Amino acid sequence: MLALGLLLMVAGCSTATPPDSVLAVPAPPQKYAAIVVDGKTGKQLFEVNSTAQRYPASLTKMMTLYLLFEAMDSGRVSKETQIPVSDHAASQPPTKMRFRRGETIDVDSAIRAIVVKSANDVAVAVGEYLGGTEDQFAAMMTSKARQLGMTSTIFHNASGLPDDGQMTTAHDMAVLGMALHQRFPQHFHYFSESDFMFRGRLVRGHNDMLGRVRGVDGIKTGYIRASGFNIVTSYNADGRQLIVVVMGADSARQRNDHVEALIQRSLSPVVADAKTRLMFAEQQ
């Protein structure tokens, strides 16, 4: 029922937005896409290229966490469950926690490592633990995407590392962001964490939207060269809830500036559109 509701609410809105209030589009090959959705009603408030195929990068880890949260709620794992790190998981390129084969990480720390550090080795270890192999887990991820109404998403790995066949859309990422917020309110606090302690070391994150805009409480950033700078952001303040997706920005700063402008636009369209036009005029 949740999946159907999300699909109808998000896909059923097609309000276009004037081009003068969008991010300066990068040179070809075009990577930019964006969408803003009202988190309570599912109404689409803004969209550009929201159904165009894009590389998710580390936004992929949102689905990895969705399946881990399901496993927690079903009792399959607890926060104390130890997840082993295989050779394959340990061999993933950075960003990672730099585990060695045979080491383990508890589920609670694994979630924080994925959210805060965007640790590829931990994401793969989680995938192998839940799916048997990373390939089998990727198939589970894609199946869950279909259940949620993410009709244009295919997952090939648990981390978001480059894979030509791993695709999504800004619309689908908004559906996933809403699903995480609505299905797992008891776990959503993880997405607001900007650092955590692990083995006596402070691990810092890089989601600079946290603390920058009042009301922002997550969710996830992502970057690979093919995708540009991606983000899914949750805003929750003063009775308003928004899910904002920006994909394909040229830098983290440009991406974050655009997210802030889209939040302002959605909360106060007339004033924010003027600010947005000025900001992007200055970028030209």
C-alpha atoms as a PDB file:
ATOM      1  CA  MET A   1       0.000   0.000   0.000  1.00  0.00           C
ATOM      2  CA  LEU A   2       2.845   2.404   0.841  1.00  0.00           C
ATOM      3  CA  ALA A   3       4.562   1.686  -2.481  1.00  0.00           C
ATOM      4  CA  LEU A   4       1.397   2.253  -4.493  1.00  0.00           C
ATOM      5  CA  GLY A   5       0.630   5.435  -2.610  1.00  0.00           C
ATOM      6  CA  LEU A   6       4.107   6.830  -3.184  1.00  0.00           C
ATOM      7  CA  LEU A   7       4.003   5.955  -6.868  1.00  0.00           C
ATOM      8  CA  LEU A   8       0.612   7.607  -7.393  1.00  0.00           C
ATOM      9  CA  MET A   9       1.485  10.686  -5.385  1.00  0.00           C
ATOM     10  CA  VAL A  10       4.836  11.384  -7.034  1.00  0.00           C
ATOM     11  CA  ALA A  11       4.207  10.149 -10.559  1.00  0.00           C
ATOM     12  CA  GLY A  12       0.741  11.675 -10.696  1.00  0.00           C
ATOM     13  CA  CYS A  13       2.052  15.266 -10.607  1.00  0.00           C
ATOM     14  CA  SER A  14       3.615  16.841 -13.677  1.00  0.00           C
ATOM     15  CA  THR A  15       3.884  20.538 -12.863  1.00  0.00           C
ATOM     16  CA  ALA A  16       6.662  22.068 -14.936  1.00  0.00           C
ATOM     17  CA  THR A  17       8.844  24.927 -13.709  1.00  0.00           C
ATOM     18  CA  PRO A  18      10.086  27.925 -15.703  1.00  0.00           C
ATOM     19  CA  PRO A  19      13.689  27.455 -16.872  1.00  0.00           C
ATOM     20  CA  ASP A  20      14.881  30.679 -15.212  1.00  0.00           C
ATOM     21  CA  SER A  21      14.689  29.035 -11.784  1.00  0.00           C
ATOM     22  CA  VAL A  22      16.789  25.956 -12.501  1.00  0.00           C
ATOM     23  CA  LEU A  23      20.440  25.167 -12.118  1.00  0.00           C
ATOM     24  CA  ALA A  24      22.716  26.266 -14.929  1.00  0.00           C
ATOM     25  CA  VAL A  25      22.795  23.139 -17.077  1.00  0.00           C
ATOM     26  CA  PRO A  26      26.277  21.649 -17.548  1.00  0.00           C
ATOM     27  CA  ALA A  27      27.751  21.239 -20.985  1.00  0.00           C
ATOM     28  CA  PRO A  28      26.953  17.969 -22.809  1.00  0.00           C
ATOM     29  CA  PRO A  29      26.760  15.200 -21.883  1.00  0.00           C
ATOM     30  CA  GLN A  30      24.023  16.673 -19.726  1.00  0.00           C
ATOM     31  CA  LYS A  31      23.878  15.246 -16.190  1.00  0.00           C
ATOM     32  CA  TYR A  32      21.545  17.646 -14.392  1.00  0.00           C
ATOM     33  CA  ALA A  33      18.191  16.514 -13.037  1.00  0.00           C
ATOM     34  CA  ALA A  34      16.137  17.678 -10.071  1.00  0.00           C
ATOM     35  CA  ILE A  35      12.809  17.257  -8.342  1.00  0.00           C
ATOM     36  CA  VAL A  36      11.115  18.621  -5.224  1.00  0.00           C
ATOM     37  CA  VAL A  37       8.224  16.696  -3.686  1.00  0.00           C
ATOM     38  CA  ASP A  38       5.981  17.610  -0.780  1.00  0.00           C
ATOM     39  CA  GLY A  39       6.758  14.902   1.765  1.00  0.00           C
ATOM     40  CA  LYS A  40       3.243  14.902   3.218  1.00  0.00           C
ATOM     41  CA  THR A  41       1.089  14.958   0.083  1.00  0.00           C
ATOM     42  CA  GLY A  42       3.468  13.669  -2.575  1.00  0.00           C
ATOM     43  CA  LYS A  43       2.716  16.724  -4.719  1.00  0.00           C
ATOM     44  CA  GLN A  44       5.465  17.557  -7.175  1.00  0.00           C
ATOM     45  CA  LEU A  45       6.601  21.157  -6.620  1.00  0.00           C
ATOM     46  CA  PHE A  46       9.488  21.339  -9.090  1.00  0.00           C
ATOM     47  CA  GLU A  47      11.085  19.124 -11.687  1.00  0.00           C
ATOM     48  CA  VAL A  48      13.623  19.233 -14.490  1.00  0.00           C
ATOM     49  CA  ASN A  49      14.719  16.037 -16.270  1.00  0.00           C
ATOM     50  CA  SER A  50      13.287  14.092 -13.330  1.00  0.00           C
ATOM     51  CA  THR A  51      12.550  10.960 -15.379  1.00  0.00           C
ATOM     52  CA  ALA A  52      15.789  11.006 -17.381  1.00  0.00           C
ATOM     53  CA  GLN A  53      18.245   8.171 -16.730  1.00  0.00           C
ATOM     54  CA  ARG A  54      21.121   9.102 -14.438  1.00  0.00           C
ATOM     55  CA  TYR A  55      23.857   7.299 -12.491  1.00  0.00           C
ATOM     56  CA  PRO A  56      22.942   7.155  -8.787  1.00  0.00           C
ATOM     57  CA  ALA A  57      26.492   6.984  -7.387  1.00  0.00           C
ATOM     58  CA  SER A  58      26.328   6.631  -3.592  1.00  0.00           C
ATOM     59  CA  LEU A  59      22.599   7.398  -3.530  1.00  0.00           C
ATOM     60  CA  THR A  60      22.562   3.642  -4.194  1.00  0.00           C
ATOM     61  CA  LYS A  61      23.346   3.141  -0.514  1.00  0.00           C
ATOM     62  CA  MET A  62      19.882   4.433   0.378  1.00  0.00           C
ATOM     63  CA  MET A  63      18.468   1.173  -0.957  1.00  0.00           C
ATOM     64  CA  THR A  64      21.187  -0.852   0.773  1.00  0.00           C
ATOM     65  CA  LEU A  65      20.057   0.759   4.019  1.00  0.00           C
ATOM     66  CA  TYR A  66      16.374   0.264   3.202  1.00  0.00           C
ATOM     67  CA  LEU A  67      16.930  -3.485   3.006  1.00  0.00           C
ATOM     68  CA  LEU A  68      19.046  -3.455   6.160  1.00  0.00           C
ATOM     69  CA  PHE A  69      16.301  -1.578   8.034  1.00  0.00           C
ATOM     70  CA  GLU A  70      13.792  -4.180   6.814  1.00  0.00           C
ATOM     71  CA  ALA A  71      16.037  -6.933   8.148  1.00  0.00           C
ATOM     72  CA  MET A  72      16.217  -5.156  11.507  1.00  0.00           C
ATOM     73  CA  ASP A  73      12.459  -4.737  11.736  1.00  0.00           C
ATOM     74  CA  SER A  74      11.846  -8.381  10.819  1.00  0.00           C
ATOM     75  CA  GLY A  75      14.255  -9.564  13.535  1.00  0.00           C
ATOM     76  CA  ARG A  76      16.710 -11.059  11.077  1.00  0.00           C
ATOM     77  CA  VAL A  77      19.431  -8.809  12.465  1.00  0.00           C
ATOM     78  CA  SER A  78      19.798  -6.587  15.517  1.00  0.00           C
ATOM     79  CA  LYS A  79      21.974  -3.547  16.108  1.00  0.00           C
ATOM     80  CA  GLU A  80      24.521  -5.854  17.740  1.00  0.00           C
ATOM     81  CA  THR A  81      24.705  -8.392  14.889  1.00  0.00           C
ATOM     82  CA  GLN A  82      28.265  -8.724  13.612  1.00  0.00           C
ATOM     83  CA  ILE A  83      28.670  -8.461   9.825  1.00  0.00           C
ATOM     84  CA  PRO A  84      31.797 -10.139   8.419  1.00  0.00           C
ATOM     85  CA  VAL A  85      33.977  -8.345   5.871  1.00  0.00           C
ATOM     86  CA  SER A  86      35.022 -10.554   2.944  1.00  0.00           C
ATOM     87  CA  ASP A  87      38.005 -10.137   0.629  1.00  0.00           C
ATOM     88  CA  HIS A  88      35.640  -8.727  -1.967  1.00  0.00           C
ATOM     89  CA  ALA A  89      34.208  -6.173   0.454  1.00  0.00           C
ATOM     90  CA  ALA A  90      37.610  -5.183   1.821  1.00  0.00           C
ATOM     91  CA  SER A  91      38.964  -4.680  -1.710  1.00  0.00           C
ATOM     92  CA  GLN A  92      36.475  -1.934  -2.609  1.00  0.00           C
ATOM     93  CA  PRO A  93      38.039   1.427  -3.485  1.00  0.00           C
ATOM     94  CA  PRO A  94      37.597   4.439  -1.192  1.00  0.00           C
ATOM     95  CA  THR A  95      35.692   5.937   0.371  1.00  0.00           C
ATOM     96  CA  LYS A  96      35.861   3.102   2.919  1.00  0.00           C
ATOM     97  CA  MET A  97      36.598   2.153   6.522  1.00  0.00           C
ATOM     98  CA  ARG A  98      39.617   0.050   5.499  1.00  0.00           C
ATOM     99  CA  PHE A  99      38.646  -3.264   7.038  1.00  0.00           C
ATOM    100  CA  ARG A 100      40.720  -6.381   6.558  1.00  0.00           C
ATOM    101  CA  ARG A 101      39.311  -9.739   5.534  1.00  0.00           C
ATOM    102  CA  GLY A 102      37.859 -11.568   8.501  1.00  0.00           C
ATOM    103  CA  GLU A 103      37.094  -8.459  10.537  1.00  0.00           C
ATOM    104  CA  THR A 104      33.507  -7.684  11.488  1.00  0.00           C
ATOM    105  CA  ILE A 105      31.380  -4.615  12.107  1.00  0.00           C
ATOM    106  CA  ASP A 106      28.185  -4.431  14.143  1.00  0.00           C
ATOM    107  CA  VAL A 107      24.996  -3.368  12.376  1.00  0.00           C
ATOM    108  CA  ASP A 108      24.655  -0.091  14.280  1.00  0.00           C
ATOM    109  CA  SER A 109      28.176   0.974  13.305  1.00  0.00           C
ATOM    110  CA  ALA A 110      27.638  -0.296   9.757  1.00  0.00           C
ATOM    111  CA  ILE A 111      24.647   2.003   9.317  1.00  0.00           C
ATOM    112  CA  ARG A 112      26.637   4.984  10.578  1.00  0.00           C
ATOM    113  CA  ALA A 113      29.601   4.091   8.357  1.00  0.00           C
ATOM    114  CA  ILE A 114      27.340   3.984   5.302  1.00  0.00           C
ATOM    115  CA  VAL A 115      25.431   7.174   6.133  1.00  0.00           C
ATOM    116  CA  VAL A 116      28.283   9.327   7.432  1.00  0.00           C
ATOM    117  CA  LYS A 117      31.374   7.962   5.676  1.00  0.00           C
ATOM    118  CA  SER A 118      29.604   6.470   2.634  1.00  0.00           C
ATOM    119  CA  ALA A 119      31.885   3.478   3.182  1.00  0.00           C
ATOM    120  CA  ASN A 120      31.950   1.226   0.125  1.00  0.00           C
ATOM    121  CA  ASP A 121      33.522  -1.720   1.943  1.00  0.00           C
ATOM    122  CA  VAL A 122      30.787  -1.682   4.590  1.00  0.00           C
ATOM    123  CA  ALA A 123      27.984  -1.356   2.024  1.00  0.00           C
ATOM    124  CA  VAL A 124      29.280  -4.408   0.165  1.00  0.00           C
ATOM    125  CA  ALA A 125      29.677  -6.367   3.419  1.00  0.00           C
ATOM    126  CA  VAL A 126      26.047  -5.599   4.285  1.00  0.00           C
ATOM    127  CA  GLY A 127      24.960  -6.661   0.816  1.00  0.00           C
ATOM    128  CA  GLU A 128      26.814  -9.955   1.040  1.00  0.00           C
ATOM    129  CA  TYR A 129      25.445 -10.638   4.502  1.00  0.00           C
ATOM    130  CA  LEU A 130      21.824 -10.051   3.465  1.00  0.00           C
ATOM    131  CA  GLY A 131      21.991 -11.410  -0.067  1.00  0.00           C
ATOM    132  CA  GLY A 132      24.646 -14.120   0.040  1.00  0.00           C
ATOM    133  CA  THR A 133      26.578 -12.409  -2.749  1.00  0.00           C
ATOM    134  CA  GLU A 134      26.650  -8.798  -3.879  1.00  0.00           C
ATOM    135  CA  ASP A 135      25.061  -9.776  -7.208  1.00  0.00           C
ATOM    136  CA  GLN A 136      22.177 -11.505  -5.449  1.00  0.00           C
ATOM    137  CA  PHE A 137      21.756  -8.515  -3.181  1.00  0.00           C
ATOM    138  CA  ALA A 138      21.666  -6.164  -6.179  1.00  0.00           C
ATOM    139  CA  ALA A 139      18.822  -8.255  -7.586  1.00  0.00           C
ATOM    140  CA  MET A 140      17.015  -7.863  -4.243  1.00  0.00           C
ATOM    141  CA  MET A 141      17.589  -4.107  -4.427  1.00  0.00           C
ATOM    142  CA  THR A 142      16.089  -3.877  -7.906  1.00  0.00           C
ATOM    143  CA  SER A 143      13.126  -6.017  -6.881  1.00  0.00           C
ATOM    144  CA  LYS A 144      12.471  -3.745  -3.899  1.00  0.00           C
ATOM    145  CA  ALA A 145      12.752  -0.711  -6.163  1.00  0.00           C
ATOM    146  CA  ARG A 146       9.932  -2.100  -8.315  1.00  0.00           C
ATOM    147  CA  GLN A 147       7.791  -2.730  -5.229  1.00  0.00           C
ATOM    148  CA  LEU A 148       8.240   0.903  -4.208  1.00  0.00           C
ATOM    149  CA  GLY A 149       7.313   2.191  -7.653  1.00  0.00           C
ATOM    150  CA  MET A 150      10.857   2.978  -8.814  1.00  0.00           C
ATOM    151  CA  THR A 151      10.184   1.847 -12.365  1.00  0.00           C
ATOM    152  CA  SER A 152      13.346   3.239 -13.979  1.00  0.00           C
ATOM    153  CA  THR A 153      15.979   2.016 -11.512  1.00  0.00           C
ATOM    154  CA  ILE A 154      18.369  -0.915 -11.909  1.00  0.00           C
ATOM    155  CA  PHE A 155      20.942  -1.759  -9.238  1.00  0.00           C
ATOM    156  CA  HIS A 156      24.094  -3.757  -9.991  1.00  0.00           C
ATOM    157  CA  ASN A 157      25.978  -3.251  -6.721  1.00  0.00           C
ATOM    158  CA  ALA A 158      25.439  -2.226  -3.104  1.00  0.00           C
ATOM    159  CA  SER A 159      27.737   0.789  -3.036  1.00  0.00           C
ATOM    160  CA  GLY A 160      27.099   2.946  -6.082  1.00  0.00           C
ATOM    161  CA  LEU A 161      30.610   2.534  -7.449  1.00  0.00           C
ATOM    162  CA  PRO A 162      30.774   2.984 -11.247  1.00  0.00           C
ATOM    163  CA  ASP A 163      28.766   0.484 -13.287  1.00  0.00           C
ATOM    164  CA  ASP A 164      27.408   1.371 -16.723  1.00  0.00           C
ATOM    165  CA  GLY A 165      24.257  -0.653 -16.093  1.00  0.00           C
ATOM    166  CA  GLN A 166      23.334   0.907 -12.751  1.00  0.00           C
ATOM    167  CA  MET A 167      20.780   3.610 -13.490  1.00  0.00           C
ATOM    168  CA  THR A 168      18.036   5.609 -11.789  1.00  0.00           C
ATOM    169  CA  THR A 169      16.129   8.872 -12.086  1.00  0.00           C
ATOM    170  CA  ALA A 170      15.621  11.871  -9.816  1.00  0.00           C
ATOM    171  CA  HIS A 171      11.950  10.849  -9.591  1.00  0.00           C
ATOM    172  CA  ASP A 172      12.855   7.357  -8.391  1.00  0.00           C
ATOM    173  CA  MET A 173      15.278   8.729  -5.813  1.00  0.00           C
ATOM    174  CA  ALA A 174      12.493  10.973  -4.480  1.00  0.00           C
ATOM    175  CA  VAL A 175      10.261   7.901  -4.154  1.00  0.00           C
ATOM    176  CA  LEU A 176      13.011   6.115  -2.222  1.00  0.00           C
ATOM    177  CA  GLY A 177      13.631   9.120   0.018  1.00  0.00           C
ATOM    178  CA  MET A 178       9.936   9.319   0.865  1.00  0.00           C
ATOM    179  CA  ALA A 179       9.772   5.579   1.484  1.00  0.00           C
ATOM    180  CA  LEU A 180      12.693   5.686   3.922  1.00  0.00           C
ATOM    181  CA  HIS A 181      11.094   8.569   5.811  1.00  0.00           C
ATOM    182  CA  GLN A 182       7.632   7.016   5.988  1.00  0.00           C
ATOM    183  CA  ARG A 183       8.525   3.351   6.415  1.00  0.00           C
ATOM    184  CA  PHE A 184      11.361   3.725   8.945  1.00  0.00           C
ATOM    185  CA  PRO A 185      10.763   6.783  11.154  1.00  0.00           C
ATOM    186  CA  GLN A 186      12.430   4.872  14.005  1.00  0.00           C
ATOM    187  CA  HIS A 187      15.669   4.620  12.017  1.00  0.00           C
ATOM    188  CA  PHE A 188      15.611   7.898  10.109  1.00  0.00           C
ATOM    189  CA  HIS A 189      17.676   9.655  12.780  1.00  0.00           C
ATOM    190  CA  TYR A 190      20.787   7.982  11.355  1.00  0.00           C
ATOM    191  CA  PHE A 191      20.571  10.215   8.285  1.00  0.00           C
ATOM    192  CA  SER A 192      20.968  13.366  10.378  1.00  0.00           C
ATOM    193  CA  GLU A 193      24.311  12.284  11.859  1.00  0.00           C
ATOM    194  CA  SER A 194      27.378  14.164  10.640  1.00  0.00           C
ATOM    195  CA  ASP A 195      29.999  12.143  12.544  1.00  0.00           C
ATOM    196  CA  PHE A 196      30.377   9.079  14.762  1.00  0.00           C
ATOM    197  CA  MET A 197      32.959   7.349  16.913  1.00  0.00           C
ATOM    198  CA  PHE A 198      34.392   4.036  15.750  1.00  0.00           C
ATOM    199  CA  ARG A 199      37.205   2.179  17.498  1.00  0.00           C
ATOM    200  CA  GLY A 200      38.208   5.320  19.341  1.00  0.00           C
ATOM    201  CA  ARG A 201      38.346   7.448  16.194  1.00  0.00           C
ATOM    202  CA  LEU A 202      35.997  10.261  15.185  1.00  0.00           C
ATOM    203  CA  VAL A 203      34.702   9.649  11.674  1.00  0.00           C
ATOM    204  CA  ARG A 204      33.407  12.797   9.989  1.00  0.00           C
ATOM    205  CA  GLY A 205      30.887  13.018   7.160  1.00  0.00           C
ATOM    206  CA  HIS A 206      30.595  15.267   4.132  1.00  0.00           C
ATOM    207  CA  ASN A 207      26.879  16.074   3.865  1.00  0.00           C
ATOM    208  CA  ASP A 208      27.273  19.817   4.273  1.00  0.00           C
ATOM    209  CA  MET A 209      23.521  20.407   4.069  1.00  0.00           C
ATOM    210  CA  LEU A 210      23.286  19.197   7.670  1.00  0.00           C
ATOM    211  CA  GLY A 211      23.503  22.284   9.841  1.00  0.00           C
ATOM    212  CA  ARG A 212      23.482  24.613   6.854  1.00  0.00           C
ATOM    213  CA  VAL A 213      19.711  24.928   6.460  1.00  0.00           C
ATOM    214  CA  ARG A 214      17.382  24.751   9.459  1.00  0.00           C
ATOM    215  CA  GLY A 215      15.042  21.802   9.036  1.00  0.00           C
ATOM    216  CA  VAL A 216      17.329  19.650   6.893  1.00  0.00           C
ATOM    217  CA  ASP A 217      17.571  16.197   8.507  1.00  0.00           C
ATOM    218  CA  GLY A 218      19.304  14.019   5.875  1.00  0.00           C
ATOM    219  CA  ILE A 219      19.544  12.034   3.612  1.00  0.00           C
ATOM    220  CA  LYS A 220      22.504  11.096   1.340  1.00  0.00           C
ATOM    221  CA  THR A 221      25.118  12.504  -1.013  1.00  0.00           C
ATOM    222  CA  GLY A 222      26.808  10.793  -3.941  1.00  0.00           C
ATOM    223  CA  TYR A 223      29.515  11.337  -6.531  1.00  0.00           C
ATOM    224  CA  ILE A 224      31.238   9.488  -9.314  1.00  0.00           C
ATOM    225  CA  ARG A 225      32.747  11.141 -12.372  1.00  0.00           C
ATOM    226  CA  ALA A 226      29.971   9.877 -14.633  1.00  0.00           C
ATOM    227  CA  SER A 227      27.190  11.191 -12.399  1.00  0.00           C
ATOM    228  CA  GLY A 228      28.432  14.509 -11.134  1.00  0.00           C
ATOM    229  CA  PHE A 229      27.479  15.578  -7.617  1.00  0.00           C
ATOM    230  CA  ASN A 230      24.174  14.099  -6.421  1.00  0.00           C
ATOM    231  CA  ILE A 231      22.102  14.518  -3.284  1.00  0.00           C
ATOM    232  CA  VAL A 232      18.762  13.554  -1.787  1.00  0.00           C
ATOM    233  CA  THR A 233      17.773  15.963   0.986  1.00  0.00           C
ATOM    234  CA  SER A 234      14.961  15.753   3.522  1.00  0.00           C
ATOM    235  CA  TYR A 235      13.537  18.961   4.974  1.00  0.00           C
ATOM    236  CA  ASN A 236      11.189  18.883   7.977  1.00  0.00           C
ATOM    237  CA  ALA A 237      10.323  22.100   9.825  1.00  0.00           C
ATOM    238  CA  ASP A 238       7.388  24.386  10.642  1.00  0.00           C
ATOM    239  CA  GLY A 239       4.875  21.800   9.512  1.00  0.00           C
ATOM    240  CA  ARG A 240       6.437  21.380   6.054  1.00  0.00           C
ATOM    241  CA  GLN A 241       8.144  18.273   4.737  1.00  0.00           C
ATOM    242  CA  LEU A 242      10.092  18.214   1.479  1.00  0.00           C
ATOM    243  CA  ILE A 243      12.193  15.720  -0.428  1.00  0.00           C
ATOM    244  CA  VAL A 244      14.688  17.472  -2.702  1.00  0.00           C
ATOM    245  CA  VAL A 245      16.781  15.613  -5.271  1.00  0.00           C
ATOM    246  CA  VAL A 246      19.570  17.267  -7.265  1.00  0.00           C
ATOM    247  CA  MET A 247      21.746  15.225  -9.614  1.00  0.00           C
ATOM    248  CA  GLY A 248      24.624  16.089 -11.907  1.00  0.00           C
ATOM    249  CA  ALA A 249      25.969  19.288 -10.366  1.00  0.00           C
ATOM    250  CA  ASP A 250      29.522  20.319 -11.200  1.00  0.00           C
ATOM    251  CA  SER A 251      30.611  20.621  -7.570  1.00  0.00           C
ATOM    252  CA  ALA A 252      29.356  19.921  -4.072  1.00  0.00           C
ATOM    253  CA  ARG A 253      29.050  23.662  -3.472  1.00  0.00           C
ATOM    254  CA  GLN A 254      26.932  24.194  -6.595  1.00  0.00           C
ATOM    255  CA  ARG A 255      24.757  21.226  -5.660  1.00  0.00           C
ATOM    256  CA  ASN A 256      24.225  22.466  -2.099  1.00  0.00           C
ATOM    257  CA  ASP A 257      23.511  26.040  -3.224  1.00  0.00           C
ATOM    258  CA  HIS A 258      20.874  24.692  -5.583  1.00  0.00           C
ATOM    259  CA  VAL A 259      19.253  22.520  -2.924  1.00  0.00           C
ATOM    260  CA  GLU A 260      19.023  25.528  -0.599  1.00  0.00           C
ATOM    261  CA  ALA A 261      17.488  27.635  -3.382  1.00  0.00           C
ATOM    262  CA  LEU A 262      14.945  24.917  -4.172  1.00  0.00           C
ATOM    263  CA  ILE A 263      13.961  24.627  -0.501  1.00  0.00           C
ATOM    264  CA  GLN A 264      13.476  28.395  -0.296  1.00  0.00           C
ATOM    265  CA  ARG A 265      11.512  28.376  -3.553  1.00  0.00           C
ATOM    266  CA  SER A 266       9.233  25.621  -2.309  1.00  0.00           C
ATOM    267  CA  LEU A 267       8.560  27.361   1.002  1.00  0.00           C
ATOM    268  CA  SER A 268       8.121  30.865  -0.450  1.00  0.00           C
ATOM    269  CA  PRO A 269       7.908  30.616  -4.254  1.00  0.00           C
ATOM    270  CA  VAL A 270       7.688  34.318  -5.197  1.00  0.00           C
ATOM    271  CA  VAL A 271      10.569  35.564  -3.021  1.00  0.00           C
ATOM    272  CA  ALA A 272      12.737  32.505  -3.580  1.00  0.00           C
ATOM    273  CA  ASP A 273      12.372  32.562  -7.372  1.00  0.00           C
ATOM    274  CA  ALA A 274      13.803  36.079  -7.417  1.00  0.00           C
ATOM    275  CA  LYS A 275      16.723  34.966  -5.215  1.00  0.00           C
ATOM    276  CA  THR A 276      17.258  31.893  -7.376  1.00  0.00           C
ATOM    277  CA  ARG A 277      17.376  33.889 -10.601  1.00  0.00           C
ATOM    278  CA  LEU A 278      19.895  36.287  -9.055  1.00  0.00           C
ATOM    279  CA  MET A 279      22.081  33.446  -7.752  1.00  0.00           C
ATOM    280  CA  PHE A 280      22.242  31.660 -11.092  1.00  0.00           C
ATOM    281  CA  ALA A 281      22.786  34.941 -12.982  1.00  0.00           C
ATOM    282  CA  GLU A 282      25.861  35.508 -10.821  1.00  0.00           C
ATOM    283  CA  GLN A 283      27.131  32.008 -11.657  1.00  0.00           C
ATOM    284  CA  GLN A 284      27.049  32.683 -15.409  1.00  0.00           C
END
